[in-house]
N, C-alpha and C. Protein backbone atom coordinates (compact mmCIF):
# COMPACT_ATOMS: atom_id res chain seq x y z
N MET A 1 130.67 94.11 61.67
CA MET A 1 129.70 93.05 61.74
C MET A 1 128.39 93.61 62.28
N THR A 2 127.30 93.31 61.61
CA THR A 2 126.00 93.80 62.06
C THR A 2 125.51 92.97 63.25
N ASP A 3 124.51 93.49 63.93
CA ASP A 3 123.94 92.75 65.06
C ASP A 3 123.36 91.42 64.60
N GLN A 4 122.75 91.42 63.42
CA GLN A 4 122.18 90.18 62.90
C GLN A 4 123.28 89.16 62.60
N GLU A 5 124.39 89.62 62.04
CA GLU A 5 125.50 88.72 61.76
C GLU A 5 126.11 88.18 63.05
N LYS A 6 126.22 89.04 64.07
CA LYS A 6 126.74 88.60 65.37
C LYS A 6 125.82 87.55 65.99
N GLN A 7 124.52 87.77 65.87
CA GLN A 7 123.56 86.82 66.43
C GLN A 7 123.70 85.47 65.74
N LYS A 8 123.80 85.48 64.42
CA LYS A 8 123.93 84.22 63.68
C LYS A 8 125.25 83.53 64.02
N ALA A 9 126.33 84.30 64.11
CA ALA A 9 127.63 83.73 64.48
C ALA A 9 127.56 83.12 65.88
N ASP A 10 126.90 83.81 66.80
CA ASP A 10 126.75 83.31 68.17
C ASP A 10 125.98 81.99 68.16
N GLU A 11 124.91 81.92 67.38
CA GLU A 11 124.12 80.68 67.29
C GLU A 11 124.97 79.53 66.76
N LEU A 12 125.75 79.80 65.73
CA LEU A 12 126.58 78.74 65.14
C LEU A 12 127.68 78.28 66.09
N VAL A 13 128.35 79.22 66.75
CA VAL A 13 129.39 78.86 67.70
C VAL A 13 128.79 78.10 68.88
N SER A 14 127.62 78.52 69.33
CA SER A 14 126.95 77.81 70.43
C SER A 14 126.63 76.37 70.05
N ARG A 15 126.22 76.15 68.82
CA ARG A 15 125.95 74.79 68.36
C ARG A 15 127.22 73.96 68.34
N LEU A 16 128.32 74.58 67.93
CA LEU A 16 129.61 73.87 67.95
C LEU A 16 130.03 73.54 69.38
N GLU A 17 129.80 74.48 70.30
CA GLU A 17 130.14 74.24 71.71
C GLU A 17 129.33 73.08 72.27
N LEU A 18 128.06 73.01 71.92
CA LEU A 18 127.23 71.89 72.38
C LEU A 18 127.75 70.57 71.82
N ALA A 19 128.15 70.58 70.56
CA ALA A 19 128.67 69.36 69.93
C ALA A 19 129.94 68.91 70.63
N VAL A 20 130.81 69.84 70.97
CA VAL A 20 132.05 69.49 71.67
C VAL A 20 131.72 68.90 73.03
N GLY A 21 130.72 69.46 73.70
CA GLY A 21 130.32 68.96 75.01
C GLY A 21 129.75 67.56 74.98
N GLN A 22 129.36 67.09 73.80
CA GLN A 22 128.78 65.76 73.67
C GLN A 22 129.79 64.70 73.25
N ILE A 23 131.06 65.08 73.14
CA ILE A 23 132.09 64.11 72.75
C ILE A 23 132.35 63.16 73.91
N PHE A 24 132.22 61.88 73.64
CA PHE A 24 132.49 60.83 74.63
C PHE A 24 133.30 59.74 73.98
N PRO A 25 134.10 59.03 74.65
CA PRO A 25 134.42 59.20 76.06
C PRO A 25 135.35 60.38 76.27
N ARG A 26 135.32 60.90 77.47
CA ARG A 26 136.19 62.02 77.82
C ARG A 26 137.43 61.51 78.52
N ASP A 27 138.09 60.59 77.91
CA ASP A 27 139.29 60.00 78.49
C ASP A 27 140.52 60.72 77.97
N ALA A 28 141.67 60.21 78.30
CA ALA A 28 142.93 60.84 77.93
C ALA A 28 143.06 61.01 76.42
N ALA A 29 142.53 60.07 75.67
CA ALA A 29 142.65 60.13 74.21
C ALA A 29 141.89 61.33 73.64
N ASN A 30 140.78 61.69 74.23
CA ASN A 30 139.96 62.80 73.73
C ASN A 30 140.16 64.10 74.49
N ALA A 31 140.76 64.03 75.67
CA ALA A 31 140.88 65.22 76.52
C ALA A 31 141.60 66.36 75.83
N SER A 32 142.72 66.09 75.20
CA SER A 32 143.46 67.18 74.55
C SER A 32 142.69 67.73 73.35
N LEU A 33 141.99 66.87 72.63
CA LEU A 33 141.18 67.31 71.51
C LEU A 33 140.05 68.23 71.98
N ILE A 34 139.35 67.82 73.02
CA ILE A 34 138.26 68.63 73.57
C ILE A 34 138.78 69.97 74.06
N ALA A 35 139.88 69.96 74.79
CA ALA A 35 140.46 71.21 75.30
C ALA A 35 140.86 72.14 74.16
N GLU A 36 141.44 71.61 73.12
CA GLU A 36 141.85 72.42 71.97
C GLU A 36 140.63 72.99 71.25
N MET A 37 139.59 72.21 71.11
CA MET A 37 138.37 72.69 70.46
C MET A 37 137.74 73.82 71.26
N ILE A 38 137.72 73.69 72.58
CA ILE A 38 137.17 74.75 73.43
C ILE A 38 138.02 76.01 73.31
N ARG A 39 139.33 75.86 73.29
CA ARG A 39 140.23 77.00 73.15
C ARG A 39 139.99 77.71 71.82
N ILE A 40 139.84 76.95 70.75
CA ILE A 40 139.61 77.53 69.43
C ILE A 40 138.26 78.25 69.38
N LEU A 41 137.23 77.65 69.95
CA LEU A 41 135.91 78.29 69.95
C LEU A 41 135.92 79.58 70.77
N ASN A 42 136.65 79.60 71.90
CA ASN A 42 136.77 80.82 72.69
C ASN A 42 137.50 81.90 71.89
N GLY A 43 138.55 81.50 71.17
CA GLY A 43 139.28 82.44 70.33
C GLY A 43 138.41 82.98 69.21
N LEU A 44 137.59 82.13 68.64
CA LEU A 44 136.67 82.55 67.58
C LEU A 44 135.66 83.55 68.12
N ARG A 45 135.13 83.28 69.30
CA ARG A 45 134.20 84.22 69.93
C ARG A 45 134.87 85.58 70.13
N SER A 46 136.10 85.55 70.61
CA SER A 46 136.83 86.79 70.85
C SER A 46 137.09 87.53 69.54
N LEU A 47 137.50 86.81 68.53
CA LEU A 47 137.79 87.41 67.24
C LEU A 47 136.55 88.06 66.63
N LEU A 48 135.42 87.39 66.77
CA LEU A 48 134.17 87.89 66.20
C LEU A 48 133.47 88.92 67.09
N GLY A 49 133.96 89.03 68.33
CA GLY A 49 133.34 90.00 69.27
C GLY A 49 131.99 89.54 69.77
N ILE A 50 131.81 88.22 69.87
CA ILE A 50 130.54 87.69 70.40
C ILE A 50 130.82 87.10 71.78
N VAL A 51 130.25 87.74 72.77
CA VAL A 51 130.49 87.37 74.16
C VAL A 51 129.40 86.42 74.63
N ARG A 52 129.80 85.38 75.30
CA ARG A 52 128.86 84.41 75.84
C ARG A 52 128.26 84.95 77.13
N PRO A 53 126.93 85.02 77.22
CA PRO A 53 126.32 85.49 78.47
C PRO A 53 126.50 84.45 79.58
N HIS A 54 126.67 84.93 80.81
CA HIS A 54 126.87 84.00 81.94
C HIS A 54 125.65 83.93 82.78
């Protein structure tokens, strides 16, 4: 993967992360869905080798 491809992938995953963070209500009905989406996005980051800066 080129640096440009990694940057674009990072931008897209970041947008997905923001969308997940905007899911409301965060009650029991959505909690497992939100947790699973976060887990999948973290796995995708790992698979693509794009690390989130802290």
